[in-house]
C-alpha atoms as a PDB file:
ATOM      1  CA  UNK A   1       6.872   2.368 -23.027  1.00  0.00           C
ATOM      2  CA  UNK A   2       4.774   3.325 -19.670  1.00  0.00           C
ATOM      3  CA  UNK A   3       6.272   2.904 -17.123  1.00  0.00           C
ATOM      4  CA  UNK A   4       4.272   2.763 -13.014  1.00  0.00           C
ATOM      5  CA  UNK A   5       6.523   4.368 -10.541  1.00  0.00           C
ATOM      6  CA  UNK A   6       4.591   4.089  -6.453  1.00  0.00           C
ATOM      7  CA  UNK A   7       7.012   6.088  -4.635  1.00  0.00           C
ATOM      8  CA  UNK A   8       6.016   5.107  -0.358  1.00  0.00           C
ATOM      9  CA  UNK A   9       7.998   5.823   2.568  1.00  0.00           C
ATOM     10  CA  UNK A  10      10.275   3.004   2.714  1.00  0.00           C
ATOM     11  CA  UNK A  11      10.606   1.656  -0.841  1.00  0.00           C
ATOM     12  CA  UNK A  12      10.924   3.007  -4.679  1.00  0.00           C
ATOM     13  CA  UNK A  13       8.578   0.340  -6.322  1.00  0.00           C
ATOM     14  CA  UNK A  14       8.224   0.612 -10.334  1.00  0.00           C
ATOM     15  CA  UNK A  15       7.072  -2.198 -13.389  1.00  0.00           C
ATOM     16  CA  UNK A  16       6.630  -1.442 -16.941  1.00  0.00           C
ATOM     17  CA  UNK A  17       3.030  -1.904 -18.388  1.00  0.00           C
ATOM     18  CA  UNK A  18       2.608  -5.165 -20.222  1.00  0.00           C
ATOM     19  CA  UNK A  19      -0.663  -5.770 -22.399  1.00  0.00           C
ATOM     20  CA  UNK A  20      -2.757  -3.608 -19.716  1.00  0.00           C
ATOM     21  CA  UNK A  21      -0.782  -5.243 -16.509  1.00  0.00           C
ATOM     22  CA  UNK A  22       1.959  -4.241 -14.413  1.00  0.00           C
ATOM     23  CA  UNK A  23       5.023  -6.212 -15.539  1.00  0.00           C
ATOM     24  CA  UNK A  24       7.984  -7.549 -13.115  1.00  0.00           C
ATOM     25  CA  UNK A  25       8.372  -5.762  -9.659  1.00  0.00           C
ATOM     26  CA  UNK A  26      11.562  -3.454  -9.518  1.00  0.00           C
ATOM     27  CA  UNK A  27      12.360  -1.211  -6.158  1.00  0.00           C
ATOM     28  CA  UNK A  28      15.029   0.184  -4.119  1.00  0.00           C
ATOM     29  CA  UNK A  29      15.010   1.391  -0.533  1.00  0.00           C
ATOM     30  CA  UNK A  30      14.172   5.296  -0.155  1.00  0.00           C
ATOM     31  CA  UNK A  31      16.684   5.626   2.133  1.00  0.00           C
ATOM     32  CA  UNK A  32      19.002   4.565  -0.863  1.00  0.00           C
ATOM     33  CA  UNK A  33      17.938   6.557  -3.981  1.00  0.00           C
ATOM     34  CA  UNK A  34      19.984   7.304  -6.617  1.00  0.00           C
ATOM     35  CA  UNK A  35      19.419   9.559  -9.703  1.00  0.00           C
ATOM     36  CA  UNK A  36      21.693   7.803 -11.999  1.00  0.00           C
ATOM     37  CA  UNK A  37      20.621   4.038 -12.250  1.00  0.00           C
ATOM     38  CA  UNK A  38      17.317   4.804 -12.137  1.00  0.00           C
ATOM     39  CA  UNK A  39      17.566   7.228 -15.026  1.00  0.00           C
ATOM     40  CA  UNK A  40      19.518   3.932 -16.897  1.00  0.00           C
ATOM     41  CA  UNK A  41      16.522   2.048 -15.564  1.00  0.00           C
ATOM     42  CA  UNK A  42      14.081   4.349 -16.868  1.00  0.00           C
ATOM     43  CA  UNK A  43      15.150   5.270 -20.263  1.00  0.00           C
ATOM     44  CA  UNK A  44      12.999   3.795 -22.248  1.00  0.00           C
ATOM     45  CA  UNK A  45      10.166   5.874 -20.963  1.00  0.00           C
ATOM     46  CA  UNK A  46       7.740   7.361 -23.503  1.00  0.00           C
ATOM     47  CA  UNK A  47       5.180   8.204 -20.382  1.00  0.00           C
ATOM     48  CA  UNK A  48       4.497   7.573 -16.604  1.00  0.00           C
ATOM     49  CA  UNK A  49       1.977   7.235 -13.948  1.00  0.00           C
ATOM     50  CA  UNK A  50       3.183   7.331 -10.517  1.00  0.00           C
ATOM     51  CA  UNK A  51       1.824   8.092  -6.664  1.00  0.00           C
ATOM     52  CA  UNK A  52       4.245   9.537  -4.117  1.00  0.00           C
ATOM     53  CA  UNK A  53       3.808   9.917  -0.923  1.00  0.00           C
ATOM     54  CA  UNK A  54       6.953  10.475   0.334  1.00  0.00           C
ATOM     55  CA  UNK A  55       7.865  13.706   0.052  1.00  0.00           C
ATOM     56  CA  UNK A  56       8.926  16.370  -1.652  1.00  0.00           C
ATOM     57  CA  UNK A  57      12.437  15.173  -2.242  1.00  0.00           C
ATOM     58  CA  UNK A  58      11.251  11.893  -3.660  1.00  0.00           C
ATOM     59  CA  UNK A  59       9.554  13.646  -6.011  1.00  0.00           C
ATOM     60  CA  UNK A  60      12.339  15.768  -7.597  1.00  0.00           C
ATOM     61  CA  UNK A  61      14.684  12.854  -7.287  1.00  0.00           C
ATOM     62  CA  UNK A  62      12.233  10.766  -9.567  1.00  0.00           C
ATOM     63  CA  UNK A  63      11.498  13.341 -12.112  1.00  0.00           C
ATOM     64  CA  UNK A  64      15.149  14.234 -12.674  1.00  0.00           C
ATOM     65  CA  UNK A  65      15.592  10.711 -13.486  1.00  0.00           C
ATOM     66  CA  UNK A  66      12.932  10.027 -15.653  1.00  0.00           C
ATOM     67  CA  UNK A  67      13.873  10.794 -19.797  1.00  0.00           C
ATOM     68  CA  UNK A  68      13.537  14.219 -21.118  1.00  0.00           C
ATOM     69  CA  UNK A  69      10.328  14.510 -23.348  1.00  0.00           C
ATOM     70  CA  UNK A  70       8.750  11.969 -21.095  1.00  0.00           C
ATOM     71  CA  UNK A  71       4.706  12.522 -20.267  1.00  0.00           C
ATOM     72  CA  UNK A  72       4.675  12.321 -16.479  1.00  0.00           C
ATOM     73  CA  UNK A  73       1.121  11.910 -15.061  1.00  0.00           C
ATOM     74  CA  UNK A  74       1.038  12.149 -11.285  1.00  0.00           C
ATOM     75  CA  UNK A  75      -1.892  10.597 -10.062  1.00  0.00           C
ATOM     76  CA  UNK A  76      -3.532  12.014  -6.657  1.00  0.00           C
ATOM     77  CA  UNK A  77      -7.130  11.042  -5.108  1.00  0.00           C
ATOM     78  CA  UNK A  78     -10.315  12.845  -6.125  1.00  0.00           C
ATOM     79  CA  UNK A  79     -13.825  12.485  -6.211  1.00  0.00           C
ATOM     80  CA  UNK A  80     -13.968   9.299  -8.740  1.00  0.00           C
ATOM     81  CA  UNK A  81     -11.502   7.304 -10.865  1.00  0.00           C
ATOM     82  CA  UNK A  82     -11.955   4.054 -12.786  1.00  0.00           C
ATOM     83  CA  UNK A  83     -15.763   4.049 -11.695  1.00  0.00           C
ATOM     84  CA  UNK A  84     -14.969   4.793  -7.881  1.00  0.00           C
ATOM     85  CA  UNK A  85     -16.511   7.043  -5.805  1.00  0.00           C
ATOM     86  CA  UNK A  86     -14.616   8.737  -3.308  1.00  0.00           C
ATOM     87  CA  UNK A  87     -16.657   9.334  -0.011  1.00  0.00           C
ATOM     88  CA  UNK A  88     -13.796  11.186   1.956  1.00  0.00           C
ATOM     89  CA  UNK A  89     -14.804  14.280   3.450  1.00  0.00           C
ATOM     90  CA  UNK A  90     -12.110  15.959   1.024  1.00  0.00           C
ATOM     91  CA  UNK A  91     -11.520  13.064  -1.477  1.00  0.00           C
ATOM     92  CA  UNK A  92      -8.377  15.010  -2.406  1.00  0.00           C
ATOM     93  CA  UNK A  93      -6.709  14.363   1.419  1.00  0.00           C
ATOM     94  CA  UNK A  94      -6.971  10.755   0.742  1.00  0.00           C
ATOM     95  CA  UNK A  95      -3.475   9.326   0.014  1.00  0.00           C
ATOM     96  CA  UNK A  96      -2.807   8.401  -3.370  1.00  0.00           C
ATOM     97  CA  UNK A  97      -1.584   4.926  -2.558  1.00  0.00           C
ATOM     98  CA  UNK A  98      -4.630   4.168  -0.639  1.00  0.00           C
ATOM     99  CA  UNK A  99      -6.737   5.883  -3.260  1.00  0.00           C
ATOM    100  CA  UNK A 100      -4.464   3.912  -6.213  1.00  0.00           C
ATOM    101  CA  UNK A 101      -4.532   0.098  -3.779  1.00  0.00           C
ATOM    102  CA  UNK A 102      -8.327   0.732  -4.066  1.00  0.00           C
ATOM    103  CA  UNK A 103      -8.396   0.728  -7.848  1.00  0.00           C
ATOM    104  CA  UNK A 104      -5.916  -2.044  -7.712  1.00  0.00           C
ATOM    105  CA  UNK A 105      -7.781  -4.028  -5.480  1.00  0.00           C
ATOM    106  CA  UNK A 106     -11.308  -3.542  -7.599  1.00  0.00           C
ATOM    107  CA  UNK A 107      -9.641  -5.167 -10.335  1.00  0.00           C
ATOM    108  CA  UNK A 108      -9.146  -8.499  -8.186  1.00  0.00           C
ATOM    109  CA  UNK A 109     -11.974  -9.517  -6.268  1.00  0.00           C
ATOM    110  CA  UNK A 110     -15.995  -7.876  -6.498  1.00  0.00           C
ATOM    111  CA  UNK A 111     -17.994  -7.017  -4.270  1.00  0.00           C
ATOM    112  CA  UNK A 112     -17.332  -5.759  -0.653  1.00  0.00           C
ATOM    113  CA  UNK A 113     -13.953  -5.299  -0.054  1.00  0.00           C
ATOM    114  CA  UNK A 114     -11.150  -4.683   2.687  1.00  0.00           C
ATOM    115  CA  UNK A 115      -8.057  -3.586   1.753  1.00  0.00           C
ATOM    116  CA  UNK A 116      -5.025  -3.803   4.801  1.00  0.00           C
ATOM    117  CA  UNK A 117      -1.583  -2.868   3.518  1.00  0.00           C
ATOM    118  CA  UNK A 118       1.051  -3.733   6.231  1.00  0.00           C
ATOM    119  CA  UNK A 119       4.153  -1.350   5.393  1.00  0.00           C
ATOM    120  CA  UNK A 120       5.845   1.589   7.505  1.00  0.00           C
ATOM    121  CA  UNK A 121       2.186   2.994   8.712  1.00  0.00           C
ATOM    122  CA  UNK A 122      -0.804   0.216   8.133  1.00  0.00           C
ATOM    123  CA  UNK A 123      -3.802   0.674   6.189  1.00  0.00           C
ATOM    124  CA  UNK A 124      -7.115  -0.770   6.326  1.00  0.00           C
ATOM    125  CA  UNK A 125      -9.838   0.926   3.576  1.00  0.00           C
ATOM    126  CA  UNK A 126     -13.360  -0.639   2.897  1.00  0.00           C
ATOM    127  CA  UNK A 127     -15.307  -0.724  -0.628  1.00  0.00           C
ATOM    128  CA  UNK A 128     -19.001  -1.387  -0.769  1.00  0.00           C
ATOM    129  CA  UNK A 129     -20.522  -3.253  -3.477  1.00  0.00           C
ATOM    130  CA  UNK A 130     -21.301  -0.197  -4.902  1.00  0.00           C
ATOM    131  CA  UNK A 131     -17.820   0.589  -5.792  1.00  0.00           C
ATOM    132  CA  UNK A 132     -18.336   3.310  -3.155  1.00  0.00           C
ATOM    133  CA  UNK A 133     -14.959   3.972  -1.077  1.00  0.00           C
ATOM    134  CA  UNK A 134     -16.749   4.092   2.612  1.00  0.00           C
ATOM    135  CA  UNK A 135     -13.456   5.144   4.655  1.00  0.00           C
ATOM    136  CA  UNK A 136     -10.428   3.687   6.132  1.00  0.00           C
ATOM    137  CA  UNK A 137      -8.383   3.519   9.515  1.00  0.00           C
ATOM    138  CA  UNK A 138      -4.679   4.744   9.489  1.00  0.00           C
ATOM    139  CA  UNK A 139      -2.006   3.064  12.411  1.00  0.00           C
ATOM    140  CA  UNK A 140       1.613   2.675  12.885  1.00  0.00           C
ATOM    141  CA  UNK A 141       3.412  -0.352  11.107  1.00  0.00           C
ATOM    142  CA  UNK A 142       3.541  -3.287  13.375  1.00  0.00           C
ATOM    143  CA  UNK A 143       7.778  -2.235  13.142  1.00  0.00           C
ATOM    144  CA  UNK A 144       6.946   1.219  14.068  1.00  0.00           C
ATOM    145  CA  UNK A 145       4.873  -0.260  16.957  1.00  0.00           C
ATOM    146  CA  UNK A 146       7.320  -2.772  18.360  1.00  0.00           C
ATOM    147  CA  UNK A 147       9.968   0.033  17.596  1.00  0.00           C
ATOM    148  CA  UNK A 148       8.084   2.374  19.936  1.00  0.00           C
ATOM    149  CA  UNK A 149       8.039   0.118  23.070  1.00  0.00           C
ATOM    150  CA  UNK A 150      11.123  -0.500  22.756  1.00  0.00           C
ATOM    151  CA  UNK A 151      12.123   2.945  22.580  1.00  0.00           C
ATOM    152  CA  UNK A 152      10.041   4.676  25.253  1.00  0.00           C
ATOM    153  CA  UNK A 153      10.241   1.990  27.927  1.00  0.00           C
ATOM    154  CA  UNK A 154      12.713   0.872  30.426  1.00  0.00           C
ATOM    155  CA  UNK A 155      12.344  -2.570  30.255  1.00  0.00           C
ATOM    156  CA  UNK A 156      11.351  -3.408  27.124  1.00  0.00           C
ATOM    157  CA  UNK A 157      13.609  -5.216  24.124  1.00  0.00           C
ATOM    158  CA  UNK A 158      13.189  -4.594  20.806  1.00  0.00           C
ATOM    159  CA  UNK A 159      10.878  -7.645  19.654  1.00  0.00           C
ATOM    160  CA  UNK A 160      11.633 -10.832  17.904  1.00  0.00           C
ATOM    161  CA  UNK A 161       9.022 -12.798  18.719  1.00  0.00           C
ATOM    162  CA  UNK A 162       6.913 -15.378  16.982  1.00  0.00           C
ATOM    163  CA  UNK A 163       2.754 -16.226  17.026  1.00  0.00           C
ATOM    164  CA  UNK A 164       1.657 -17.291  20.116  1.00  0.00           C
ATOM    165  CA  UNK A 165      -2.440 -18.226  21.199  1.00  0.00           C
ATOM    166  CA  UNK A 166      -0.405 -17.490  25.144  1.00  0.00           C
ATOM    167  CA  UNK A 167       2.281 -16.005  24.976  1.00  0.00           C
ATOM    168  CA  UNK A 168       4.905 -16.971  27.887  1.00  0.00           C
ATOM    169  CA  UNK A 169       7.980 -14.419  27.073  1.00  0.00           C
ATOM    170  CA  UNK A 170       8.085 -11.121  26.891  1.00  0.00           C
ATOM    171  CA  UNK A 171       9.352 -11.131  23.235  1.00  0.00           C
ATOM    172  CA  UNK A 172       6.198 -13.087  22.486  1.00  0.00           C
ATOM    173  CA  UNK A 173       3.844 -11.077  24.411  1.00  0.00           C
ATOM    174  CA  UNK A 174       4.890  -8.152  22.526  1.00  0.00           C
ATOM    175  CA  UNK A 175       5.058  -8.877  19.213  1.00  0.00           C
ATOM    176  CA  UNK A 176       1.543 -11.347  19.465  1.00  0.00           C
ATOM    177  CA  UNK A 177      -0.117  -8.023  21.187  1.00  0.00           C
ATOM    178  CA  UNK A 178       0.994  -5.563  18.500  1.00  0.00           C
ATOM    179  CA  UNK A 179       0.077  -7.945  15.449  1.00  0.00           C
ATOM    180  CA  UNK A 180      -3.082  -9.067  17.352  1.00  0.00           C
ATOM    181  CA  UNK A 181      -4.046  -5.050  17.510  1.00  0.00           C
ATOM    182  CA  UNK A 182      -3.946  -4.624  14.149  1.00  0.00           C
ATOM    183  CA  UNK A 183      -5.205  -8.185  13.339  1.00  0.00           C
ATOM    184  CA  UNK A 184      -8.853  -7.085  15.612  1.00  0.00           C
ATOM    185  CA  UNK A 185      -8.803  -3.415  13.690  1.00  0.00           C
ATOM    186  CA  UNK A 186      -8.567  -5.569   9.951  1.00  0.00           C
ATOM    187  CA  UNK A 187     -11.281  -8.109  11.393  1.00  0.00           C
ATOM    188  CA  UNK A 188     -13.352  -5.896  12.678  1.00  0.00           C
ATOM    189  CA  UNK A 189     -13.443  -3.645   9.275  1.00  0.00           C
ATOM    190  CA  UNK A 190     -14.059  -6.741   7.506  1.00  0.00           C
ATOM    191  CA  UNK A 191     -16.851  -7.760   9.637  1.00  0.00           C
ATOM    192  CA  UNK A 192     -18.555  -4.332   9.185  1.00  0.00           C
ATOM    193  CA  UNK A 193     -18.807  -4.430   5.649  1.00  0.00           C
ATOM    194  CA  UNK A 194     -20.834  -8.073   6.351  1.00  0.00           C
ATOM    195  CA  UNK A 195     -21.092 -11.503   5.480  1.00  0.00           C
ATOM    196  CA  UNK A 196     -18.742 -12.161   2.132  1.00  0.00           C
ATOM    197  CA  UNK A 197     -16.195  -9.290   2.347  1.00  0.00           C
ATOM    198  CA  UNK A 198     -13.699 -10.334   0.889  1.00  0.00           C
ATOM    199  CA  UNK A 199     -10.280  -9.129   2.535  1.00  0.00           C
ATOM    200  CA  UNK A 200      -6.827  -8.348   0.658  1.00  0.00           C
ATOM    201  CA  UNK A 201      -3.464  -8.188   2.668  1.00  0.00           C
ATOM    202  CA  UNK A 202      -0.679  -6.104   1.376  1.00  0.00           C
ATOM    203  CA  UNK A 203       2.515  -5.014   2.071  1.00  0.00           C
ATOM    204  CA  UNK A 204       6.206  -5.150   2.993  1.00  0.00           C
ATOM    205  CA  UNK A 205       4.986  -6.463   6.924  1.00  0.00           C
ATOM    206  CA  UNK A 206       1.980  -8.674   5.044  1.00  0.00           C
ATOM    207  CA  UNK A 207       4.201 -12.343   6.055  1.00  0.00           C
ATOM    208  CA  UNK A 208       4.145 -11.107   9.863  1.00  0.00           C
ATOM    209  CA  UNK A 209       0.303 -10.264  10.606  1.00  0.00           C
ATOM    210  CA  UNK A 210      -0.960 -13.142   7.833  1.00  0.00           C
ATOM    211  CA  UNK A 211      -0.805 -15.698  11.481  1.00  0.00           C
ATOM    212  CA  UNK A 212      -2.943 -13.042  13.437  1.00  0.00           C
ATOM    213  CA  UNK A 213      -6.063 -12.650  11.498  1.00  0.00           C
ATOM    214  CA  UNK A 214      -9.210 -14.730  11.946  1.00  0.00           C
ATOM    215  CA  UNK A 215     -11.084 -16.290   8.383  1.00  0.00           C
ATOM    216  CA  UNK A 216     -10.457 -15.988   5.119  1.00  0.00           C
ATOM    217  CA  UNK A 217      -7.628 -13.842   3.463  1.00  0.00           C
ATOM    218  CA  UNK A 218      -5.757 -13.619   0.318  1.00  0.00           C
ATOM    219  CA  UNK A 219      -2.542 -11.580  -0.220  1.00  0.00           C
ATOM    220  CA  UNK A 220      -2.337  -9.240  -3.013  1.00  0.00           C
ATOM    221  CA  UNK A 221       1.214  -7.970  -3.968  1.00  0.00           C
ATOM    222  CA  UNK A 222       1.612  -4.611  -5.856  1.00  0.00           C
ATOM    223  CA  UNK A 223      -1.908  -3.018  -5.345  1.00  0.00           C
ATOM    224  CA  UNK A 224      -0.510   0.263  -6.434  1.00  0.00           C
ATOM    225  CA  UNK A 225       1.039  -0.388  -9.501  1.00  0.00           C
ATOM    226  CA  UNK A 226      -2.073  -2.588 -10.355  1.00  0.00           C
ATOM    227  CA  UNK A 227      -4.571   0.404  -9.342  1.00  0.00           C
ATOM    228  CA  UNK A 228      -2.030   2.928 -12.431  1.00  0.00           C
ATOM    229  CA  UNK A 229      -1.685   0.046 -14.838  1.00  0.00           C
ATOM    230  CA  UNK A 230      -5.698   0.411 -14.920  1.00  0.00           C
ATOM    231  CA  UNK A 231      -5.841   4.510 -14.755  1.00  0.00           C
ATOM    232  CA  UNK A 232      -4.085   4.184 -17.529  1.00  0.00           C
ATOM    233  CA  UNK A 233      -6.406   3.284 -20.198  1.00  0.00           C
ATOM    234  CA  UNK A 234      -8.078   6.755 -18.615  1.00  0.00           C
ATOM    235  CA  UNK A 235      -4.942   8.941 -18.512  1.00  0.00           C
ATOM    236  CA  UNK A 236      -3.624   7.795 -21.810  1.00  0.00           C
ATOM    237  CA  UNK A 237      -6.446   7.728 -23.571  1.00  0.00           C
END
């Protein structure tokens, strides 16, 4: 069996490859990573494709949990993969999760494409109709923005606001300001790609950002796992 693993900053997620696609997702918080349950869950793996942006300790822990004899492929960004061309100045420096998410996103939509992933960080990346990764943005995730205001100011709370067109209390003002700033950047990238660009919104913070995004978009979860599934066809030939 082929195992697909997405080790992010906050969550470690995995799925088994089923008919060329990821099966049901499972996951744990990275902070609660425990090798014994992982070893039990992964004992049937004969090959693994994974990305890891969570650091060397998490990488070592997940490798240690894999069964003996398992063929392991850590996926990193490169010049090209799965028909996509990476125009990053130094392609290898692009985060593996961003690169593989773009590969996964391309399996869902053709043409100009924006992939906005709201996680610990929010990333906004663009593909053109010729399957070129044009570039993208990284900014603090919504939770980090809210946390920063609460931690670094004397009078502002850890905001628990609600979406509003005209915020009339401090919590709403903070939430809508931070979420609106992120949504505005996402909209700007889509506008730059031009008419007909598709927006895919993903990540654990997607629900919080969704009310602030203008125009049409699609929710798309598990993009990294989808990308790994697409890459498996090439890597495991």
